[in-house]
């Protein structure tokens, strides 16, 4: 039993006014950031000095602040919720009022989150996800943690009647130390971060160039690297220096992102389910429900494996795609991984036989690899001949990547599970899917596959598709028919 009475309509905490104000302000800034940035650049370029203390500036600013505060208060006062025997009911709205009624039997998950502002004022956010919708329908943004936990248990009581009678024992299954998170961050795939930062720099190059010229530091940069039109080596050194700087930024970005997102990572087990808590600035508390588990992917790479580090990524039915990214547990050792896989996929690891796809995939990877090679050589047309030696390590790297891409790709199918392995030169992945969770099976063929009598088997679940690429058409048809037969002959529900 809970100490809170949810049958009577109630508001969230009065601190919700602050949360509403913060959210509204954030959305306004995010929506007008381009305008603000353009005004800032124009202000720097201009020789004029603006006086921001005039009534023309102060009065509209005060009026905007008052409007935002009043709007936040009205949203708070018009926001009421209660729980009946069968439904969760929410009334909200300022100008357009609405009433939302959700059957408790349709509620699939309840998430408890806490951003920086909520941490400061000591409240949490509770989001309710329902079957048949990828978006979070309902979110209560300001509740005391105790009340949020009690409401979560009340809303999920239909999934386990015993929740109403006894307190479910919770046991800490795994906790990641700060040292472990740092090691995870160091061994991350920094190439992704490099691409993100590089794309950002390229996208803002023009404005960055104008900004540097306005600060009169372009001459200083040129003097440091001795840039001139006749010195190709100086230009090369300058570009190499830029790449090194971006690599360092990518490393720091990956490290910081990993630590912040997974700070104080704790995994607790409740009977067959798991509860994942993590985050520094945005704390989350989410439940991994075994009955709704769809696909599970085990990932690692050469550096992580050398340190004994593995990551499990889970997907659940009807889960918000943005929330799916948070259903991962990093820093696991092999023992913990085997325990979790045995919990959710009993006897799935020692499958009898692994099958390889057609060797056509080797040619496909080679063709894709030629694209960056051609781009690199395009920049070397006017360069000294000795610079073409850079192709030697690049070609060797691409050859090794092709080899390991084919070597790591396999699939296994038994009477309960489908297991698909993959990866490349650095990373390795293994995906698990229970056959009873498959909702549909389709065969796809590209023009090149059709000419070689190949196909890709696509297995569709309620959250994520799993593919077996580039296998013989006859084998693909046999797999499709077998999976459809198993789906139709078993009465086990997919959720």
Protein backbone atom coordinates (compact mmCIF):
# COMPACT_ATOMS: atom_id res chain seq x y z
CA UNK A 1 0.00 0.00 0.00
CA UNK A 2 1.11 3.58 -0.68
CA UNK A 3 1.00 6.55 1.66
CA UNK A 4 -0.26 8.78 -1.17
CA UNK A 5 -3.88 9.05 -2.26
CA UNK A 6 -3.88 9.16 -6.06
CA UNK A 7 -7.65 8.72 -6.34
CA UNK A 8 -8.20 12.41 -5.52
CA UNK A 9 -7.18 14.88 -8.28
CA UNK A 10 -3.99 16.68 -7.28
CA UNK A 11 -1.39 18.99 -8.73
CA UNK A 12 2.29 18.38 -8.97
CA UNK A 13 4.68 20.21 -6.66
CA UNK A 14 4.52 24.00 -6.65
CA UNK A 15 8.15 23.81 -7.78
CA UNK A 16 6.64 22.87 -11.12
CA UNK A 17 6.25 26.60 -11.77
CA UNK A 18 10.05 26.88 -11.78
CA UNK A 19 10.38 23.81 -14.00
CA UNK A 20 7.77 25.13 -16.45
CA UNK A 21 9.56 28.47 -16.56
CA UNK A 22 12.90 26.78 -17.16
CA UNK A 23 11.53 24.52 -19.92
CA UNK A 24 9.76 27.42 -21.65
CA UNK A 25 12.90 29.55 -21.51
CA UNK A 26 15.03 26.70 -22.87
CA UNK A 27 12.63 26.09 -25.76
CA UNK A 28 12.54 29.80 -26.59
CA UNK A 29 16.34 30.04 -26.64
CA UNK A 30 16.65 26.85 -28.70
CA UNK A 31 14.11 28.14 -31.21
CA UNK A 32 15.76 31.53 -31.58
CA UNK A 33 19.43 30.58 -31.19
CA UNK A 34 20.14 31.28 -34.87
CA UNK A 35 18.63 34.76 -34.61
CA UNK A 36 20.53 35.45 -31.37
CA UNK A 37 23.78 34.20 -32.95
CA UNK A 38 23.28 36.33 -36.05
CA UNK A 39 22.59 39.39 -33.90
CA UNK A 40 25.72 38.71 -31.84
CA UNK A 41 27.92 38.41 -34.95
CA UNK A 42 26.38 41.56 -36.41
CA UNK A 43 27.00 43.35 -33.11
CA UNK A 44 30.70 42.40 -33.21
CA UNK A 45 31.08 43.50 -36.82
CA UNK A 46 29.31 46.78 -36.26
CA UNK A 47 31.16 49.84 -35.02
CA UNK A 48 28.01 51.04 -33.26
CA UNK A 49 27.61 50.79 -29.51
CA UNK A 50 24.14 49.70 -28.44
CA UNK A 51 22.66 50.93 -25.18
CA UNK A 52 20.80 48.03 -23.59
CA UNK A 53 19.63 50.14 -20.63
CA UNK A 54 17.12 52.22 -22.60
CA UNK A 55 13.38 51.84 -21.92
CA UNK A 56 12.93 50.44 -25.46
CA UNK A 57 14.97 47.42 -24.41
CA UNK A 58 14.12 47.09 -20.71
CA UNK A 59 10.30 47.36 -20.96
CA UNK A 60 9.88 44.58 -23.61
CA UNK A 61 12.34 42.39 -21.67
CA UNK A 62 10.40 42.81 -18.42
CA UNK A 63 7.12 42.23 -20.25
CA UNK A 64 8.46 39.00 -21.76
CA UNK A 65 9.66 37.76 -18.35
CA UNK A 66 6.31 38.56 -16.71
CA UNK A 67 4.46 36.79 -19.52
CA UNK A 68 6.61 33.66 -19.11
CA UNK A 69 6.05 33.62 -15.34
CA UNK A 70 2.27 34.05 -15.65
CA UNK A 71 2.15 31.32 -18.30
CA UNK A 72 4.10 28.96 -16.04
CA UNK A 73 1.74 29.63 -13.12
CA UNK A 74 -1.34 28.97 -15.27
CA UNK A 75 0.15 25.72 -16.56
CA UNK A 76 0.80 24.64 -13.00
CA UNK A 77 -2.71 25.46 -11.78
CA UNK A 78 -4.43 23.76 -14.73
CA UNK A 79 -2.33 20.59 -14.44
CA UNK A 80 -4.15 17.93 -12.37
CA UNK A 81 -3.98 14.16 -12.38
CA UNK A 82 -5.51 11.20 -10.56
CA UNK A 83 -5.67 7.41 -10.80
CA UNK A 84 -8.88 5.39 -10.90
CA UNK A 85 -9.24 1.64 -10.69
CA UNK A 86 -8.61 1.22 -14.43
CA UNK A 87 -7.29 4.54 -15.73
CA UNK A 88 -4.78 7.35 -15.29
CA UNK A 89 -6.48 10.70 -15.91
CA UNK A 90 -4.72 13.99 -16.64
CA UNK A 91 -6.18 17.46 -17.21
CA UNK A 92 -3.92 20.20 -18.59
CA UNK A 93 -3.74 23.23 -20.84
CA UNK A 94 -3.92 27.00 -20.67
CA UNK A 95 -5.55 28.23 -23.88
CA UNK A 96 -6.50 24.80 -25.21
CA UNK A 97 -7.48 22.60 -22.30
CA UNK A 98 -7.52 18.83 -22.70
CA UNK A 99 -8.25 15.72 -20.68
CA UNK A 100 -6.21 12.57 -21.27
CA UNK A 101 -7.36 9.19 -20.01
CA UNK A 102 -5.02 6.21 -20.33
CA UNK A 103 -5.97 2.67 -19.39
CA UNK A 104 -3.49 1.22 -16.89
CA UNK A 105 -3.38 -1.97 -18.94
CA UNK A 106 -1.96 0.06 -21.86
CA UNK A 107 0.88 1.58 -19.85
CA UNK A 108 4.11 -0.12 -20.90
CA UNK A 109 6.73 1.78 -18.93
CA UNK A 110 7.14 4.58 -16.44
CA UNK A 111 10.39 6.54 -16.47
CA UNK A 112 11.73 8.73 -13.69
CA UNK A 113 14.12 11.45 -14.84
CA UNK A 114 15.85 14.44 -13.28
CA UNK A 115 17.63 17.24 -15.13
CA UNK A 116 19.94 19.85 -13.62
CA UNK A 117 17.16 22.27 -12.67
CA UNK A 118 15.13 19.48 -11.08
CA UNK A 119 18.17 18.35 -9.10
CA UNK A 120 18.64 21.88 -7.75
CA UNK A 121 15.03 22.19 -6.55
CA UNK A 122 14.85 18.49 -5.55
CA UNK A 123 12.02 17.19 -7.74
CA UNK A 124 11.85 14.53 -10.46
CA UNK A 125 9.99 14.06 -13.73
CA UNK A 126 7.74 11.06 -14.37
CA UNK A 127 7.05 10.04 -17.98
CA UNK A 128 4.40 7.50 -18.97
CA UNK A 129 4.73 5.47 -22.16
CA UNK A 130 1.84 3.50 -23.64
CA UNK A 131 1.52 0.72 -26.19
CA UNK A 132 1.11 1.79 -29.79
CA UNK A 133 2.90 5.13 -29.55
CA UNK A 134 6.60 5.78 -30.01
CA UNK A 135 6.40 9.14 -28.26
CA UNK A 136 6.07 9.80 -24.56
CA UNK A 137 2.43 10.80 -24.17
CA UNK A 138 2.39 12.10 -20.60
CA UNK A 139 5.02 13.70 -18.43
CA UNK A 140 4.67 15.11 -14.93
CA UNK A 141 7.65 17.42 -14.52
CA UNK A 142 7.76 18.16 -10.79
CA UNK A 143 7.11 15.47 -8.19
CA UNK A 144 8.90 14.57 -4.96
CA UNK A 145 10.87 11.38 -5.57
CA UNK A 146 8.89 9.42 -2.98
CA UNK A 147 5.59 10.36 -4.61
CA UNK A 148 6.94 9.60 -8.08
CA UNK A 149 8.08 6.13 -6.99
CA UNK A 150 4.70 5.45 -5.39
CA UNK A 151 2.87 6.61 -8.52
CA UNK A 152 5.11 4.42 -10.68
CA UNK A 153 4.29 1.35 -8.59
CA UNK A 154 0.58 2.18 -8.75
CA UNK A 155 0.58 2.58 -12.53
CA UNK A 156 2.52 -0.63 -13.12
CA UNK A 157 0.55 -2.69 -10.60
CA UNK A 158 -1.37 -4.41 -13.44
CA UNK A 159 1.86 -6.06 -14.62
CA UNK A 160 2.36 -7.91 -11.37
CA UNK A 161 -0.48 -8.32 -8.87
CA UNK A 162 2.04 -9.23 -6.19
CA UNK A 163 3.25 -5.62 -6.18
CA UNK A 164 0.08 -4.69 -4.30
CA UNK A 165 0.62 -7.31 -1.61
CA UNK A 166 4.33 -7.59 -0.91
CA UNK A 167 7.33 -5.39 -1.35
CA UNK A 168 9.55 -6.62 -4.17
CA UNK A 169 13.10 -7.25 -3.02
CA UNK A 170 15.69 -5.20 -4.89
CA UNK A 171 19.28 -6.32 -5.24
CA UNK A 172 22.16 -4.35 -6.73
CA UNK A 173 23.39 -6.39 -9.69
CA UNK A 174 26.07 -4.02 -11.01
CA UNK A 175 27.55 -0.63 -10.16
CA UNK A 176 30.08 1.19 -12.35
CA UNK A 177 32.88 3.05 -10.61
CA UNK A 178 34.25 6.36 -11.90
CA UNK A 179 37.47 4.58 -12.90
CA UNK A 180 35.47 2.11 -14.96
CA UNK A 181 33.58 4.92 -16.70
CA UNK A 182 36.85 6.69 -17.53
CA UNK A 183 38.25 3.48 -19.05
CA UNK A 184 35.05 3.13 -21.08
CA UNK A 185 35.41 6.70 -22.30
CA UNK A 186 39.06 6.25 -23.23
CA UNK A 187 38.30 3.12 -25.28
CA UNK A 188 35.25 4.58 -27.06
CA UNK A 189 35.02 4.89 -30.85
CA UNK A 190 36.47 8.38 -31.17
CA UNK A 191 36.05 8.36 -34.95
CA UNK A 192 32.33 9.14 -34.53
CA UNK A 193 33.14 12.12 -32.34
CA UNK A 194 35.79 13.21 -34.85
CA UNK A 195 33.23 13.21 -37.66
CA UNK A 196 30.72 15.18 -35.55
CA UNK A 197 33.27 17.85 -34.59
CA UNK A 198 34.72 18.03 -38.10
CA UNK A 199 31.23 18.46 -39.60
CA UNK A 200 30.48 21.21 -37.08
CA UNK A 201 33.69 23.04 -37.95
CA UNK A 202 33.03 22.76 -41.68
CA UNK A 203 29.44 23.93 -41.21
CA UNK A 204 30.49 27.00 -39.25
CA UNK A 205 33.68 27.68 -41.21
CA UNK A 206 32.48 30.84 -42.91
CA UNK A 207 31.25 32.48 -39.70
CA UNK A 208 34.35 31.25 -37.83
CA UNK A 209 36.58 32.73 -40.52
CA UNK A 210 34.84 36.11 -40.31
CA UNK A 211 35.00 36.00 -36.52
CA UNK A 212 38.76 35.30 -36.56
CA UNK A 213 39.33 38.14 -39.03
CA UNK A 214 37.37 40.51 -36.79
CA UNK A 215 39.61 39.53 -33.86
CA UNK A 216 42.72 40.18 -36.02
CA UNK A 217 44.36 36.88 -35.14
CA UNK A 218 44.54 35.40 -38.65
CA UNK A 219 47.97 36.96 -39.19
CA UNK A 220 49.18 35.44 -35.92
CA UNK A 221 47.99 31.97 -37.03
CA UNK A 222 49.74 32.38 -40.36
CA UNK A 223 52.96 33.48 -38.72
CA UNK A 224 52.95 30.53 -36.32
CA UNK A 225 52.70 28.06 -39.16
CA UNK A 226 54.62 30.14 -41.72
CA UNK A 227 51.72 29.93 -44.16
CA UNK A 228 52.39 31.28 -47.61
CA UNK A 229 51.42 30.37 -51.13
CA UNK A 230 54.81 28.87 -51.97
CA UNK A 231 55.24 26.59 -48.99
CA UNK A 232 53.27 23.34 -49.42
CA UNK A 233 54.98 21.79 -46.42
CA UNK A 234 53.84 24.61 -44.16
CA UNK A 235 50.30 24.16 -45.43
CA UNK A 236 50.54 20.43 -44.81
CA UNK A 237 51.84 20.95 -41.28
CA UNK A 238 49.03 23.38 -40.61
CA UNK A 239 46.38 20.89 -41.78
CA UNK A 240 47.99 18.07 -39.77
CA UNK A 241 47.95 20.31 -36.70
CA UNK A 242 44.24 21.01 -37.25
CA UNK A 243 43.53 17.28 -37.52
CA UNK A 244 45.47 16.61 -34.31
CA UNK A 245 43.52 19.32 -32.49
CA UNK A 246 40.22 17.83 -33.70
CA UNK A 247 41.35 14.35 -32.62
CA UNK A 248 42.13 15.65 -29.14
CA UNK A 249 38.74 17.37 -28.99
CA UNK A 250 37.05 14.17 -30.19
CA UNK A 251 38.81 12.17 -27.48
CA UNK A 252 37.80 14.63 -24.77
CA UNK A 253 34.24 14.80 -26.11
CA UNK A 254 33.82 10.99 -26.10
CA UNK A 255 35.34 10.69 -22.64
CA UNK A 256 33.25 13.49 -21.14
CA UNK A 257 30.03 12.30 -22.80
CA UNK A 258 30.51 8.72 -21.55
CA UNK A 259 31.19 9.78 -17.96
CA UNK A 260 28.35 12.33 -17.82
CA UNK A 261 25.69 10.07 -19.38
CA UNK A 262 26.62 7.03 -17.28
CA UNK A 263 27.63 8.73 -14.04
CA UNK A 264 26.71 6.65 -10.98
CA UNK A 265 25.45 3.80 -13.16
CA UNK A 266 23.60 1.29 -10.97
CA UNK A 267 21.72 -1.79 -12.18
CA UNK A 268 19.28 -3.39 -9.77
CA UNK A 269 17.38 -6.62 -10.29
CA UNK A 270 13.76 -7.18 -9.30
CA UNK A 271 12.83 -10.79 -9.88
CA UNK A 272 13.03 -11.11 -13.69
CA UNK A 273 13.28 -7.37 -14.39
CA UNK A 274 16.09 -4.84 -14.16
CA UNK A 275 16.16 -1.21 -13.03
CA UNK A 276 18.79 1.09 -14.55
CA UNK A 277 19.77 4.38 -12.90
CA UNK A 278 22.44 6.72 -14.29
CA UNK A 279 23.28 10.28 -15.33
CA UNK A 280 24.98 13.36 -13.91
CA UNK A 281 23.13 16.37 -15.30
CA UNK A 282 20.14 14.36 -16.54
CA UNK A 283 19.46 11.54 -14.12
CA UNK A 284 17.20 8.74 -15.31
CA UNK A 285 15.59 5.73 -13.68
CA UNK A 286 14.17 3.23 -16.15
CA UNK A 287 12.84 -0.29 -15.87
CA UNK A 288 13.91 -3.10 -18.18
CA UNK A 289 10.90 -5.42 -18.26
CA UNK A 290 11.78 -8.96 -19.34
CA UNK A 291 8.41 -9.63 -21.01
CA UNK A 292 8.83 -6.57 -23.25
CA UNK A 293 12.46 -7.18 -24.15
CA UNK A 294 12.89 -7.44 -27.92
CA UNK A 295 16.52 -7.42 -29.10
CA UNK A 296 19.77 -7.38 -27.14
CA UNK A 297 23.15 -6.45 -28.64
CA UNK A 298 26.50 -7.24 -27.06
CA UNK A 299 29.21 -4.82 -28.22
CA UNK A 300 32.91 -4.43 -27.56
CA UNK A 301 36.08 -3.54 -29.42
CA UNK A 302 39.73 -4.55 -29.35
CA UNK A 303 40.66 -2.02 -26.66
CA UNK A 304 37.64 -2.73 -24.46
CA UNK A 305 38.10 -6.47 -24.78
CA UNK A 306 41.74 -6.13 -23.70
CA UNK A 307 40.45 -4.47 -20.51
CA UNK A 308 37.59 -6.97 -20.12
CA UNK A 309 34.87 -4.39 -20.87
CA UNK A 310 31.58 -5.13 -22.63
CA UNK A 311 28.33 -3.27 -23.27
CA UNK A 312 24.77 -4.56 -23.55
CA UNK A 313 22.18 -2.58 -25.49
CA UNK A 314 18.53 -3.49 -24.97
CA UNK A 315 15.39 -2.56 -26.90
CA UNK A 316 11.87 -2.81 -25.56
CA UNK A 317 8.48 -2.90 -27.22
CA UNK A 318 6.90 0.46 -28.01
CA UNK A 319 9.80 2.29 -26.41
CA UNK A 320 10.42 5.92 -27.34
CA UNK A 321 13.33 5.84 -29.84
CA UNK A 322 15.14 8.52 -27.88
CA UNK A 323 14.79 6.49 -24.70
CA UNK A 324 16.09 3.37 -26.44
CA UNK A 325 19.55 4.93 -26.40
CA UNK A 326 19.46 4.94 -22.60
CA UNK A 327 18.73 1.22 -22.32
CA UNK A 328 22.38 0.25 -22.36
CA UNK A 329 24.71 -0.96 -19.63
CA UNK A 330 28.41 -0.26 -20.07
CA UNK A 331 31.48 -1.48 -18.20
CA UNK A 332 30.28 -5.05 -17.78
CA UNK A 333 32.77 -7.87 -17.41
CA UNK A 334 32.32 -11.24 -19.12
CA UNK A 335 30.80 -12.87 -16.03
CA UNK A 336 28.10 -10.19 -15.69
CA UNK A 337 27.39 -10.36 -19.42
CA UNK A 338 26.93 -14.12 -19.31
CA UNK A 339 24.62 -13.79 -16.31
CA UNK A 340 22.38 -11.28 -18.07
CA UNK A 341 22.31 -13.22 -21.33
CA UNK A 342 21.48 -16.42 -19.47
CA UNK A 343 18.69 -14.56 -17.65
CA UNK A 344 17.02 -13.25 -20.81
CA UNK A 345 18.20 -15.82 -23.39
CA UNK A 346 18.73 -19.17 -21.62
CA UNK A 347 21.12 -21.47 -23.49
CA UNK A 348 21.40 -19.05 -26.42
CA UNK A 349 25.20 -18.72 -26.32
CA UNK A 350 26.26 -22.28 -27.17
CA UNK A 351 24.21 -22.56 -30.38
CA UNK A 352 25.19 -25.59 -32.42
CA UNK A 353 26.26 -24.09 -35.74
CA UNK A 354 27.30 -20.71 -37.08
CA UNK A 355 26.60 -19.92 -40.73
CA UNK A 356 28.47 -17.46 -42.93
CA UNK A 357 26.91 -15.15 -45.51
CA UNK A 358 27.94 -15.17 -49.16
CA UNK A 359 31.43 -13.85 -49.94
CA UNK A 360 29.76 -11.13 -52.05
CA UNK A 361 29.93 -8.96 -48.97
CA UNK A 362 33.72 -8.78 -49.42
CA UNK A 363 33.33 -7.06 -52.79
CA UNK A 364 30.69 -4.75 -51.37
CA UNK A 365 32.96 -3.62 -48.53
CA UNK A 366 35.86 -3.13 -50.97
CA UNK A 367 33.76 -0.92 -53.24
CA UNK A 368 32.58 1.18 -50.29
CA UNK A 369 36.19 1.47 -49.07
CA UNK A 370 37.31 2.84 -52.44
CA UNK A 371 35.27 6.01 -51.93
CA UNK A 372 37.42 7.56 -49.13
CA UNK A 373 40.55 6.32 -50.93
CA UNK A 374 39.58 8.18 -54.10
CA UNK A 375 38.76 11.33 -52.12
CA UNK A 376 42.15 11.27 -50.38
CA UNK A 377 44.01 10.79 -53.68
CA UNK A 378 41.98 13.58 -55.24
CA UNK A 379 43.65 16.01 -52.81
CA UNK A 380 47.08 14.62 -53.74
CA UNK A 381 46.90 15.36 -57.47
CA UNK A 382 49.05 18.46 -57.20
CA UNK A 383 51.15 17.17 -54.30
CA UNK A 384 54.72 15.82 -54.54
CA UNK A 385 54.87 12.15 -55.64
CA UNK A 386 56.27 10.93 -52.31
CA UNK A 387 52.99 11.87 -50.59
CA UNK A 388 51.28 9.07 -52.50
CA UNK A 389 53.05 6.68 -50.12
CA UNK A 390 50.27 7.49 -47.68
CA UNK A 391 48.18 5.03 -49.71
CA UNK A 392 50.24 2.11 -48.39
CA UNK A 393 49.00 2.22 -44.77
CA UNK A 394 45.51 3.28 -45.90
CA UNK A 395 45.14 0.35 -48.29
CA UNK A 396 46.49 -2.03 -45.63
CA UNK A 397 43.98 -0.65 -43.12
CA UNK A 398 41.08 -1.02 -45.55
CA UNK A 399 42.17 -4.58 -46.42
CA UNK A 400 42.26 -5.58 -42.76
CA UNK A 401 38.86 -3.94 -42.22
CA UNK A 402 37.37 -5.92 -45.12
CA UNK A 403 38.83 -9.17 -43.81
CA UNK A 404 37.49 -8.72 -40.28
CA UNK A 405 34.11 -7.49 -41.52
CA UNK A 406 33.57 -10.81 -43.30
CA UNK A 407 35.19 -12.88 -40.56
CA UNK A 408 32.95 -11.47 -37.80
CA UNK A 409 29.71 -11.72 -39.76
CA UNK A 410 27.70 -14.88 -39.02
CA UNK A 411 24.24 -16.04 -38.00
CA UNK A 412 22.79 -18.90 -35.95
CA UNK A 413 19.21 -20.10 -35.68
CA UNK A 414 17.77 -22.75 -33.40
CA UNK A 415 14.24 -23.48 -32.18
CA UNK A 416 14.17 -20.44 -29.83
CA UNK A 417 16.66 -17.77 -30.85
CA UNK A 418 18.27 -15.95 -33.74
CA UNK A 419 21.84 -14.77 -33.13
CA UNK A 420 23.62 -12.48 -35.61
CA UNK A 421 27.29 -11.51 -35.26
CA UNK A 422 28.98 -8.58 -36.94
CA UNK A 423 31.65 -5.93 -36.64
CA UNK A 424 34.70 -4.59 -38.44
CA UNK A 425 38.40 -4.05 -37.78
CA UNK A 426 37.89 -2.59 -34.29
CA UNK A 427 34.38 -3.33 -33.04
CA UNK A 428 32.48 -6.59 -32.55
CA UNK A 429 28.72 -7.01 -32.11
CA UNK A 430 26.44 -9.93 -31.28
CA UNK A 431 22.67 -9.48 -31.47
CA UNK A 432 20.07 -11.77 -29.88
CA UNK A 433 16.39 -12.06 -30.79
CA UNK A 434 13.86 -14.53 -29.46
CA UNK A 435 11.88 -16.06 -32.34
CA UNK A 436 8.57 -15.62 -30.49
CA UNK A 437 9.21 -11.83 -30.48
CA UNK A 438 9.39 -11.67 -34.29
CA UNK A 439 6.31 -10.01 -35.79
CA UNK A 440 7.14 -10.27 -39.50
CA UNK A 441 9.83 -11.65 -41.82
CA UNK A 442 10.62 -10.14 -45.23
CA UNK A 443 13.19 -10.78 -47.96
CA UNK A 444 14.83 -7.87 -49.76
CA UNK A 445 17.05 -7.85 -52.84
CA UNK A 446 19.12 -5.10 -54.36
CA UNK A 447 19.93 -5.11 -58.08
CA UNK A 448 23.36 -6.56 -57.38
CA UNK A 449 21.96 -9.22 -55.03
CA UNK A 450 19.37 -10.28 -57.58
CA UNK A 451 22.05 -10.86 -60.22
CA UNK A 452 23.89 -13.19 -57.82
CA UNK A 453 20.84 -14.96 -56.46
CA UNK A 454 21.24 -13.44 -52.98
CA UNK A 455 18.84 -11.84 -50.51
CA UNK A 456 18.73 -10.22 -47.07
CA UNK A 457 16.41 -11.63 -44.41
CA UNK A 458 14.79 -8.87 -42.34
CA UNK A 459 13.21 -9.88 -39.02
CA UNK A 460 10.86 -7.22 -37.66
CA UNK A 461 10.16 -6.93 -33.95
CA UNK A 462 8.21 -4.35 -31.97
CA UNK A 463 11.26 -2.14 -31.50
CA UNK A 464 14.17 -2.95 -33.79
CA UNK A 465 14.79 -4.97 -36.95
CA UNK A 466 17.49 -7.62 -37.16
CA UNK A 467 18.96 -8.53 -40.57
CA UNK A 468 20.88 -11.47 -42.02
CA UNK A 469 22.55 -9.97 -45.11
CA UNK A 470 23.76 -11.51 -48.38
CA UNK A 471 22.75 -15.16 -48.18
CA UNK A 472 21.66 -17.51 -50.97
CA UNK A 473 18.05 -17.03 -52.03
CA UNK A 474 17.17 -20.66 -51.37
CA UNK A 475 18.58 -20.47 -47.84
CA UNK A 476 16.81 -17.14 -47.26
CA UNK A 477 13.45 -18.68 -48.26
CA UNK A 478 14.04 -21.63 -45.96
CA UNK A 479 14.85 -19.30 -43.05
CA UNK A 480 11.77 -17.19 -43.75
CA UNK A 481 9.46 -20.20 -43.90
CA UNK A 482 10.98 -21.72 -40.76
CA UNK A 483 10.63 -18.51 -38.75
CA UNK A 484 7.04 -17.96 -39.91
CA UNK A 485 6.22 -21.56 -38.99
CA UNK A 486 7.70 -21.11 -35.49
CA UNK A 487 5.82 -17.84 -35.02
CA UNK A 488 2.47 -19.35 -36.05
CA UNK A 489 2.91 -22.62 -34.16
CA UNK A 490 3.85 -21.04 -30.81
CA UNK A 491 1.28 -19.32 -28.62
CA UNK A 492 3.85 -17.28 -26.70
CA UNK A 493 3.09 -13.57 -26.89
CA UNK A 494 5.65 -11.10 -28.25
CA UNK A 495 5.17 -8.76 -25.27
